[in-house]
């Protein structure tokens, strides 16, 4: 179990979510084990008595996440309400605690997967393994990042930014990594064996994670070959897909889809209605942020239901933005993504993420996934620059 704790601590460090040596992780196996001695163990250990959990993780997130969490927590009314659809469904909301005590944390974690302690860090727990604490920790940071940048842009549009908002934003930007120019390349298709297909799927997952295009266990990958969809399993890590790829017949003649990604219906619908043979689905942050940006939202009668009922035909440049929820229901992305993919080979789903496709292998969809995120990041700061120019003009007129 110590090896598992070390593995997920190293993942957090590798993804720049924490600094080395800052995570305190506890795991109940035959007894209670910790990844390192630390004064916080005395406060964290009683959680195993109060809650039905097997693991706990506490750490101060690395920058810019630490500042983002503190900023959102200080402006909350005790709960941070999330904006993106994926983590809002998964996490619901995030309680904010001001007392670093076992009792306060136990109370918050009885109904939620994580809690924020401003100035101290983030605590998450899991009922089965350290993997859950990693997923919860990573998901909270993703959702708070999206909320912070979304809220700032909305305030800039409405002209309600305060000096403190600007100071915090500038500080966050100082810790925001520059966009990495991608240099990944993958084996060439078309693929002619099941082994080659699975190998290509596994290979494609690693740079999607390494370039920060997914967080925790979000995202999925597939390849259509011999009337089957080879797709990553639900809950799998895209950089560890060996043995986690399911072969799902297009005619549903097998039950392998039970463990496949929940977005299998969308992948199948794309393959049935297009010439595409490979699909990457990631959750790049600025694509999610810009998909939710709407200057009409405040006055729209469908505000709050935008993710499924937005009546507008929206694009970011030439990139279509569609609505939809998971699964295969009447409002699902399996009904909106395929037609958009046929025309553009890439589509942004409102508050969710990006789907990209290729005709033979994963080189084109990966390049397109990176390009869409770069475009969205540039669009964010260009829009912000326009608001700043307007604000300067107003001040000059005064």
Protein backbone atom coordinates (compact mmCIF):
# COMPACT_ATOMS: atom_id res chain seq x y z
CA UNK A 1 0.00 0.00 0.00
CA UNK A 2 2.95 2.31 0.62
CA UNK A 3 3.86 1.90 -3.05
CA UNK A 4 0.36 3.02 -4.08
CA UNK A 5 0.57 6.13 -1.92
CA UNK A 6 3.97 6.93 -3.40
CA UNK A 7 2.64 6.38 -6.94
CA UNK A 8 -0.20 8.88 -6.61
CA UNK A 9 1.93 11.40 -4.77
CA UNK A 10 4.37 11.25 -7.68
CA UNK A 11 1.49 11.73 -10.12
CA UNK A 12 0.42 14.89 -8.32
CA UNK A 13 3.97 16.22 -8.48
CA UNK A 14 4.43 15.23 -12.14
CA UNK A 15 1.25 17.11 -13.09
CA UNK A 16 2.44 20.20 -11.16
CA UNK A 17 -0.49 20.01 -8.74
CA UNK A 18 1.69 19.90 -5.61
CA UNK A 19 5.34 20.44 -4.73
CA UNK A 20 7.51 17.45 -3.77
CA UNK A 21 7.30 16.47 -0.11
CA UNK A 22 4.13 18.42 0.67
CA UNK A 23 1.45 15.72 0.51
CA UNK A 24 0.36 13.82 3.60
CA UNK A 25 -1.47 10.63 2.68
CA UNK A 26 -2.92 8.01 4.99
CA UNK A 27 -4.19 4.53 4.10
CA UNK A 28 -5.99 1.97 6.25
CA UNK A 29 -4.97 -1.57 5.31
CA UNK A 30 -4.07 -4.01 8.07
CA UNK A 31 -3.48 -0.88 10.10
CA UNK A 32 -3.14 2.84 9.52
CA UNK A 33 -0.10 3.76 7.41
CA UNK A 34 1.20 7.19 6.39
CA UNK A 35 3.45 8.20 3.53
CA UNK A 36 5.55 10.37 5.87
CA UNK A 37 5.66 11.66 9.44
CA UNK A 38 4.02 15.08 9.73
CA UNK A 39 2.32 17.16 12.45
CA UNK A 40 -0.95 17.12 10.49
CA UNK A 41 -1.23 13.35 11.00
CA UNK A 42 -2.55 13.99 14.52
CA UNK A 43 -5.49 15.92 13.02
CA UNK A 44 -6.06 13.65 10.01
CA UNK A 45 -5.87 10.27 11.78
CA UNK A 46 -9.22 10.63 13.67
CA UNK A 47 -11.00 10.95 10.31
CA UNK A 48 -10.72 7.19 9.95
CA UNK A 49 -12.79 6.84 13.13
CA UNK A 50 -15.45 9.35 12.08
CA UNK A 51 -15.85 8.40 8.41
CA UNK A 52 -16.27 5.27 6.33
CA UNK A 53 -13.03 5.83 4.42
CA UNK A 54 -9.84 3.93 3.66
CA UNK A 55 -7.64 6.81 2.45
CA UNK A 56 -7.12 10.50 3.10
CA UNK A 57 -4.92 13.10 1.37
CA UNK A 58 -3.99 16.58 2.55
CA UNK A 59 -1.69 19.01 0.74
CA UNK A 60 -1.20 22.64 -0.12
CA UNK A 61 -1.65 22.83 -3.93
CA UNK A 62 1.18 24.26 -6.00
CA UNK A 63 0.80 27.64 -7.67
CA UNK A 64 -1.30 28.92 -9.26
CA UNK A 65 -3.81 26.51 -7.68
CA UNK A 66 -3.09 27.47 -4.07
CA UNK A 67 -3.88 31.13 -4.72
CA UNK A 68 -6.98 30.22 -6.76
CA UNK A 69 -8.40 28.06 -3.96
CA UNK A 70 -7.76 30.73 -1.33
CA UNK A 71 -9.35 33.44 -3.49
CA UNK A 72 -12.50 31.41 -4.21
CA UNK A 73 -12.79 30.23 -0.61
CA UNK A 74 -12.49 33.72 0.85
CA UNK A 75 -15.28 34.96 -1.40
CA UNK A 76 -17.59 32.02 -0.82
CA UNK A 77 -20.35 31.76 1.73
CA UNK A 78 -18.89 28.53 3.06
CA UNK A 79 -19.43 26.57 -0.17
CA UNK A 80 -17.87 26.92 -3.63
CA UNK A 81 -20.39 26.24 -6.38
CA UNK A 82 -18.79 24.85 -9.53
CA UNK A 83 -19.47 25.88 -13.13
CA UNK A 84 -18.29 23.12 -15.45
CA UNK A 85 -20.72 20.26 -15.99
CA UNK A 86 -18.33 17.36 -15.59
CA UNK A 87 -16.99 18.09 -12.11
CA UNK A 88 -20.22 19.77 -10.98
CA UNK A 89 -21.91 16.40 -11.47
CA UNK A 90 -19.04 14.50 -9.87
CA UNK A 91 -18.22 16.82 -6.95
CA UNK A 92 -21.49 18.83 -6.63
CA UNK A 93 -19.86 21.61 -4.63
CA UNK A 94 -16.87 22.12 -2.34
CA UNK A 95 -17.23 23.05 1.35
CA UNK A 96 -14.88 25.66 2.82
CA UNK A 97 -13.56 25.17 6.36
CA UNK A 98 -11.83 27.69 8.59
CA UNK A 99 -11.06 25.33 11.47
CA UNK A 100 -8.27 22.82 10.93
CA UNK A 101 -9.80 20.19 13.20
CA UNK A 102 -10.80 16.56 12.81
CA UNK A 103 -14.39 17.41 13.74
CA UNK A 104 -14.76 20.14 11.11
CA UNK A 105 -13.24 18.02 8.36
CA UNK A 106 -15.29 14.95 9.28
CA UNK A 107 -18.48 16.98 9.17
CA UNK A 108 -17.71 18.34 5.72
CA UNK A 109 -16.47 15.06 4.25
CA UNK A 110 -19.52 13.07 5.32
CA UNK A 111 -21.37 14.40 2.31
CA UNK A 112 -18.60 15.56 -0.01
CA UNK A 113 -15.37 14.23 -1.51
CA UNK A 114 -13.17 17.19 -0.58
CA UNK A 115 -12.94 20.34 1.52
CA UNK A 116 -10.83 23.49 1.20
CA UNK A 117 -9.01 25.07 4.14
CA UNK A 118 -7.96 28.58 3.05
CA UNK A 119 -4.28 29.25 3.63
CA UNK A 120 -3.65 25.61 4.47
CA UNK A 121 -4.66 23.34 1.64
CA UNK A 122 -7.09 20.78 0.34
CA UNK A 123 -8.24 17.56 2.02
CA UNK A 124 -9.78 14.68 0.08
CA UNK A 125 -10.76 11.14 1.00
CA UNK A 126 -11.65 7.82 -0.62
CA UNK A 127 -13.46 4.67 0.42
CA UNK A 128 -11.32 2.15 -1.45
CA UNK A 129 -7.80 3.23 -2.43
CA UNK A 130 -5.36 6.18 -2.74
CA UNK A 131 -6.47 6.41 -6.37
CA UNK A 132 -9.74 8.01 -5.26
CA UNK A 133 -8.00 10.70 -3.24
CA UNK A 134 -5.83 11.54 -6.24
CA UNK A 135 -8.87 11.75 -8.53
CA UNK A 136 -10.77 13.95 -6.08
CA UNK A 137 -7.77 16.24 -5.48
CA UNK A 138 -7.06 16.66 -9.18
CA UNK A 139 -10.74 17.20 -10.03
CA UNK A 140 -11.14 19.95 -7.42
CA UNK A 141 -8.14 21.84 -8.80
CA UNK A 142 -9.46 21.51 -12.35
CA UNK A 143 -12.92 22.79 -11.46
CA UNK A 144 -11.59 25.68 -9.35
CA UNK A 145 -9.23 26.73 -12.14
CA UNK A 146 -12.15 26.80 -14.58
CA UNK A 147 -14.35 28.72 -12.15
CA UNK A 148 -11.67 31.29 -11.33
CA UNK A 149 -10.94 32.19 -14.95
CA UNK A 150 -14.61 32.03 -15.95
CA UNK A 151 -15.68 34.32 -13.11
CA UNK A 152 -12.91 36.81 -13.86
CA UNK A 153 -13.90 37.08 -17.52
CA UNK A 154 -17.56 37.52 -16.56
CA UNK A 155 -16.63 40.31 -14.13
CA UNK A 156 -14.51 41.99 -16.79
CA UNK A 157 -17.47 41.92 -19.18
CA UNK A 158 -19.85 43.39 -16.59
CA UNK A 159 -17.33 46.03 -15.49
CA UNK A 160 -17.39 44.86 -11.86
CA UNK A 161 -13.72 43.98 -11.36
CA UNK A 162 -12.16 45.36 -8.19
CA UNK A 163 -8.51 46.17 -7.62
CA UNK A 164 -8.06 43.10 -5.42
CA UNK A 165 -9.45 40.89 -8.21
CA UNK A 166 -6.85 42.30 -10.60
CA UNK A 167 -3.99 41.81 -8.15
CA UNK A 168 -4.90 38.18 -7.54
CA UNK A 169 -5.40 37.57 -11.26
CA UNK A 170 -1.98 39.00 -12.10
CA UNK A 171 -0.42 36.84 -9.40
CA UNK A 172 -2.14 33.74 -10.78
CA UNK A 173 -0.93 34.58 -14.28
CA UNK A 174 2.64 34.76 -13.00
CA UNK A 175 2.34 31.08 -12.06
CA UNK A 176 0.49 29.98 -15.19
CA UNK A 177 2.72 27.87 -17.44
CA UNK A 178 3.15 28.97 -21.02
CA UNK A 179 1.31 26.89 -23.59
CA UNK A 180 3.53 23.99 -24.62
CA UNK A 181 4.13 23.61 -28.33
CA UNK A 182 3.41 19.95 -28.95
CA UNK A 183 6.06 17.68 -30.41
CA UNK A 184 4.36 14.32 -29.92
CA UNK A 185 4.08 11.89 -32.80
CA UNK A 186 2.34 8.54 -32.93
CA UNK A 187 2.55 5.34 -34.92
CA UNK A 188 1.10 5.68 -38.39
CA UNK A 189 -2.18 4.09 -39.43
CA UNK A 190 -4.26 2.51 -40.71
CA UNK A 191 -3.89 -0.35 -38.23
CA UNK A 192 -4.38 -3.92 -39.39
CA UNK A 193 -4.42 -5.96 -36.17
CA UNK A 194 -6.12 -5.79 -32.79
CA UNK A 195 -2.70 -5.64 -31.15
CA UNK A 196 -1.71 -2.63 -33.25
CA UNK A 197 -4.99 -0.87 -32.41
CA UNK A 198 -4.62 -1.40 -28.66
CA UNK A 199 -1.00 -0.31 -28.81
CA UNK A 200 -1.96 2.89 -30.63
CA UNK A 201 -4.70 3.70 -28.12
CA UNK A 202 -2.32 3.20 -25.19
CA UNK A 203 0.39 5.26 -26.87
CA UNK A 204 -1.95 8.19 -27.55
CA UNK A 205 -3.08 8.47 -23.96
CA UNK A 206 0.27 9.39 -22.43
CA UNK A 207 0.89 12.75 -24.14
CA UNK A 208 -2.75 13.75 -23.61
CA UNK A 209 -1.98 13.57 -19.89
CA UNK A 210 1.58 14.93 -20.12
CA UNK A 211 0.46 18.04 -22.00
CA UNK A 212 -2.27 18.77 -19.44
CA UNK A 213 -5.18 18.08 -21.78
CA UNK A 214 -6.99 15.94 -19.19
CA UNK A 215 -7.13 15.83 -15.40
CA UNK A 216 -7.59 12.85 -13.03
CA UNK A 217 -9.60 10.17 -14.89
CA UNK A 218 -11.36 12.50 -17.30
CA UNK A 219 -11.25 11.92 -21.03
CA UNK A 220 -11.31 8.85 -23.24
CA UNK A 221 -9.75 7.45 -26.42
CA UNK A 222 -10.99 5.05 -29.07
CA UNK A 223 -10.23 3.48 -32.44
CA UNK A 224 -12.72 1.78 -34.76
CA UNK A 225 -11.40 -1.44 -36.30
CA UNK A 226 -13.06 -4.56 -37.72
CA UNK A 227 -16.57 -3.43 -36.70
CA UNK A 228 -15.49 -2.89 -33.10
CA UNK A 229 -14.78 0.22 -31.06
CA UNK A 230 -11.60 -0.18 -29.00
CA UNK A 231 -12.11 2.31 -26.19
CA UNK A 232 -10.54 3.17 -22.85
CA UNK A 233 -12.34 1.79 -19.82
CA UNK A 234 -14.36 4.01 -17.53
CA UNK A 235 -12.27 5.40 -14.68
CA UNK A 236 -8.98 4.52 -16.36
CA UNK A 237 -5.93 6.77 -16.41
CA UNK A 238 -5.11 7.71 -19.98
CA UNK A 239 -1.39 7.38 -19.31
CA UNK A 240 -1.88 3.83 -17.98
CA UNK A 241 -4.17 2.19 -20.53
CA UNK A 242 -2.33 -1.10 -20.94
CA UNK A 243 -4.96 -3.77 -20.15
CA UNK A 244 -7.68 -1.10 -19.90
CA UNK A 245 -8.98 -1.02 -23.49
CA UNK A 246 -12.34 -2.68 -24.23
CA UNK A 247 -13.30 -4.05 -27.65
CA UNK A 248 -16.99 -3.23 -28.08
CA UNK A 249 -18.83 -4.62 -31.16
CA UNK A 250 -20.71 -2.00 -33.13
CA UNK A 251 -23.77 -4.29 -33.16
CA UNK A 252 -23.75 -4.60 -29.34
CA UNK A 253 -23.36 -8.40 -29.58
CA UNK A 254 -21.09 -8.43 -26.52
CA UNK A 255 -21.34 -7.08 -22.97
CA UNK A 256 -17.81 -5.62 -23.00
CA UNK A 257 -19.35 -2.16 -23.08
CA UNK A 258 -20.26 -2.53 -19.40
CA UNK A 259 -16.75 -1.50 -18.33
CA UNK A 260 -16.10 0.83 -21.26
CA UNK A 261 -16.07 4.60 -21.03
CA UNK A 262 -19.49 6.09 -20.35
CA UNK A 263 -19.11 8.04 -23.58
CA UNK A 264 -19.03 4.89 -25.71
CA UNK A 265 -22.45 5.82 -27.26
CA UNK A 266 -20.96 9.07 -28.56
CA UNK A 267 -17.90 7.36 -30.03
CA UNK A 268 -20.09 4.74 -31.74
CA UNK A 269 -22.41 7.40 -33.15
CA UNK A 270 -19.46 9.28 -34.62
CA UNK A 271 -18.10 6.15 -36.29
CA UNK A 272 -21.51 5.18 -37.69
CA UNK A 273 -22.05 8.60 -39.23
CA UNK A 274 -18.59 9.53 -40.50
CA UNK A 275 -15.40 8.30 -42.10
CA UNK A 276 -13.40 8.84 -38.90
CA UNK A 277 -11.50 5.93 -37.34
CA UNK A 278 -9.93 7.47 -34.22
CA UNK A 279 -11.23 9.77 -31.48
CA UNK A 280 -9.56 11.68 -28.65
CA UNK A 281 -11.66 13.25 -25.92
CA UNK A 282 -9.92 15.61 -23.51
CA UNK A 283 -10.81 18.31 -21.00
CA UNK A 284 -8.41 21.15 -21.83
CA UNK A 285 -9.13 23.97 -19.40
CA UNK A 286 -9.46 27.02 -21.63
CA UNK A 287 -11.68 25.17 -24.09
CA UNK A 288 -14.03 24.39 -21.20
CA UNK A 289 -13.84 28.00 -19.97
CA UNK A 290 -14.58 29.55 -23.35
CA UNK A 291 -17.37 27.09 -24.11
CA UNK A 292 -19.30 28.54 -21.16
CA UNK A 293 -18.59 32.19 -21.91
CA UNK A 294 -21.77 33.91 -23.07
CA UNK A 295 -22.53 37.64 -22.94
CA UNK A 296 -26.28 36.94 -23.07
CA UNK A 297 -26.42 34.44 -20.23
CA UNK A 298 -27.65 36.89 -17.58
CA UNK A 299 -30.77 37.80 -19.58
CA UNK A 300 -31.36 34.39 -21.17
CA UNK A 301 -34.51 32.55 -20.01
CA UNK A 302 -32.59 29.28 -20.32
CA UNK A 303 -29.75 30.39 -18.05
CA UNK A 304 -28.77 27.46 -15.86
CA UNK A 305 -29.78 24.97 -18.54
CA UNK A 306 -27.24 26.09 -21.13
CA UNK A 307 -25.44 22.74 -21.17
CA UNK A 308 -28.47 20.98 -22.68
CA UNK A 309 -30.86 23.62 -24.00
CA UNK A 310 -28.88 26.49 -25.51
CA UNK A 311 -30.78 27.37 -28.72
CA UNK A 312 -27.90 29.28 -30.32
CA UNK A 313 -25.59 27.84 -32.96
CA UNK A 314 -22.28 28.70 -31.35
CA UNK A 315 -18.71 28.57 -32.56
CA UNK A 316 -15.31 29.76 -31.43
CA UNK A 317 -13.74 30.79 -34.69
CA UNK A 318 -14.44 27.77 -36.88
CA UNK A 319 -14.78 25.35 -33.94
CA UNK A 320 -18.38 24.33 -33.23
CA UNK A 321 -19.63 24.42 -29.63
CA UNK A 322 -22.47 21.99 -28.92
CA UNK A 323 -24.60 21.12 -25.92
CA UNK A 324 -25.37 17.76 -24.38
CA UNK A 325 -24.98 15.54 -21.35
CA UNK A 326 -23.39 12.12 -20.97
CA UNK A 327 -25.01 8.81 -21.88
CA UNK A 328 -27.39 8.17 -24.77
CA UNK A 329 -30.58 10.00 -23.77
CA UNK A 330 -32.52 12.56 -25.82
CA UNK A 331 -30.30 15.43 -24.63
CA UNK A 332 -27.02 13.52 -24.80
CA UNK A 333 -23.84 14.40 -26.64
CA UNK A 334 -24.29 11.22 -28.68
CA UNK A 335 -26.91 13.26 -30.58
CA UNK A 336 -24.99 16.52 -30.95
CA UNK A 337 -21.31 15.64 -31.33
CA UNK A 338 -21.44 13.31 -34.40
CA UNK A 339 -22.88 15.82 -36.89
CA UNK A 340 -20.43 18.50 -35.73
CA UNK A 341 -17.51 16.08 -36.02
CA UNK A 342 -18.41 15.22 -39.60
CA UNK A 343 -17.86 18.81 -40.63
CA UNK A 344 -14.98 19.89 -38.43
CA UNK A 345 -13.19 16.81 -37.03
CA UNK A 346 -13.20 18.70 -33.75
CA UNK A 347 -15.94 19.97 -31.45
CA UNK A 348 -16.20 21.62 -28.03
CA UNK A 349 -18.96 20.42 -25.71
CA UNK A 350 -20.37 23.15 -23.45
CA UNK A 351 -18.79 22.99 -19.99
CA UNK A 352 -17.36 19.55 -20.72
CA UNK A 353 -14.44 19.19 -23.08
CA UNK A 354 -13.25 18.56 -26.63
CA UNK A 355 -13.69 15.69 -29.09
CA UNK A 356 -11.34 15.39 -32.06
CA UNK A 357 -11.15 12.72 -34.76
CA UNK A 358 -8.79 11.26 -37.33
CA UNK A 359 -9.12 9.19 -40.48
CA UNK A 360 -6.32 6.68 -39.84
CA UNK A 361 -4.39 7.29 -36.60
CA UNK A 362 -4.02 9.63 -33.62
CA UNK A 363 -1.60 12.18 -35.09
CA UNK A 364 -4.28 14.44 -36.54
CA UNK A 365 -6.72 14.32 -33.57
CA UNK A 366 -3.94 15.04 -31.07
CA UNK A 367 -2.66 17.97 -33.10
CA UNK A 368 -6.24 19.27 -33.41
CA UNK A 369 -6.89 18.85 -29.67
CA UNK A 370 -3.81 20.95 -28.88
CA UNK A 371 -4.70 23.51 -31.53
CA UNK A 372 -8.23 23.96 -30.15
CA UNK A 373 -6.93 24.54 -26.63
CA UNK A 374 -4.35 27.04 -27.91
CA UNK A 375 -7.05 28.86 -29.87
CA UNK A 376 -9.31 29.01 -26.81
CA UNK A 377 -6.52 30.25 -24.57
CA UNK A 378 -5.69 33.02 -27.04
CA UNK A 379 -9.40 33.88 -27.40
CA UNK A 380 -9.70 34.24 -23.62
CA UNK A 381 -6.88 36.75 -23.30
CA UNK A 382 -7.88 38.59 -26.48
CA UNK A 383 -11.40 39.06 -25.11
CA UNK A 384 -9.97 40.18 -21.79
CA UNK A 385 -7.77 42.68 -23.60
CA UNK A 386 -10.81 44.14 -25.35
CA UNK A 387 -12.54 44.69 -22.01
CA UNK A 388 -9.42 46.35 -20.61
CA UNK A 389 -9.32 48.73 -23.57
CA UNK A 390 -12.98 49.66 -23.03
CA UNK A 391 -12.34 50.19 -19.33
CA UNK A 392 -9.40 52.51 -20.06
CA UNK A 393 -11.60 54.55 -22.40
CA UNK A 394 -14.27 54.91 -19.71
CA UNK A 395 -11.71 56.06 -17.18
CA UNK A 396 -10.28 58.55 -19.70
CA UNK A 397 -13.74 59.97 -20.36
CA UNK A 398 -14.19 60.53 -16.62
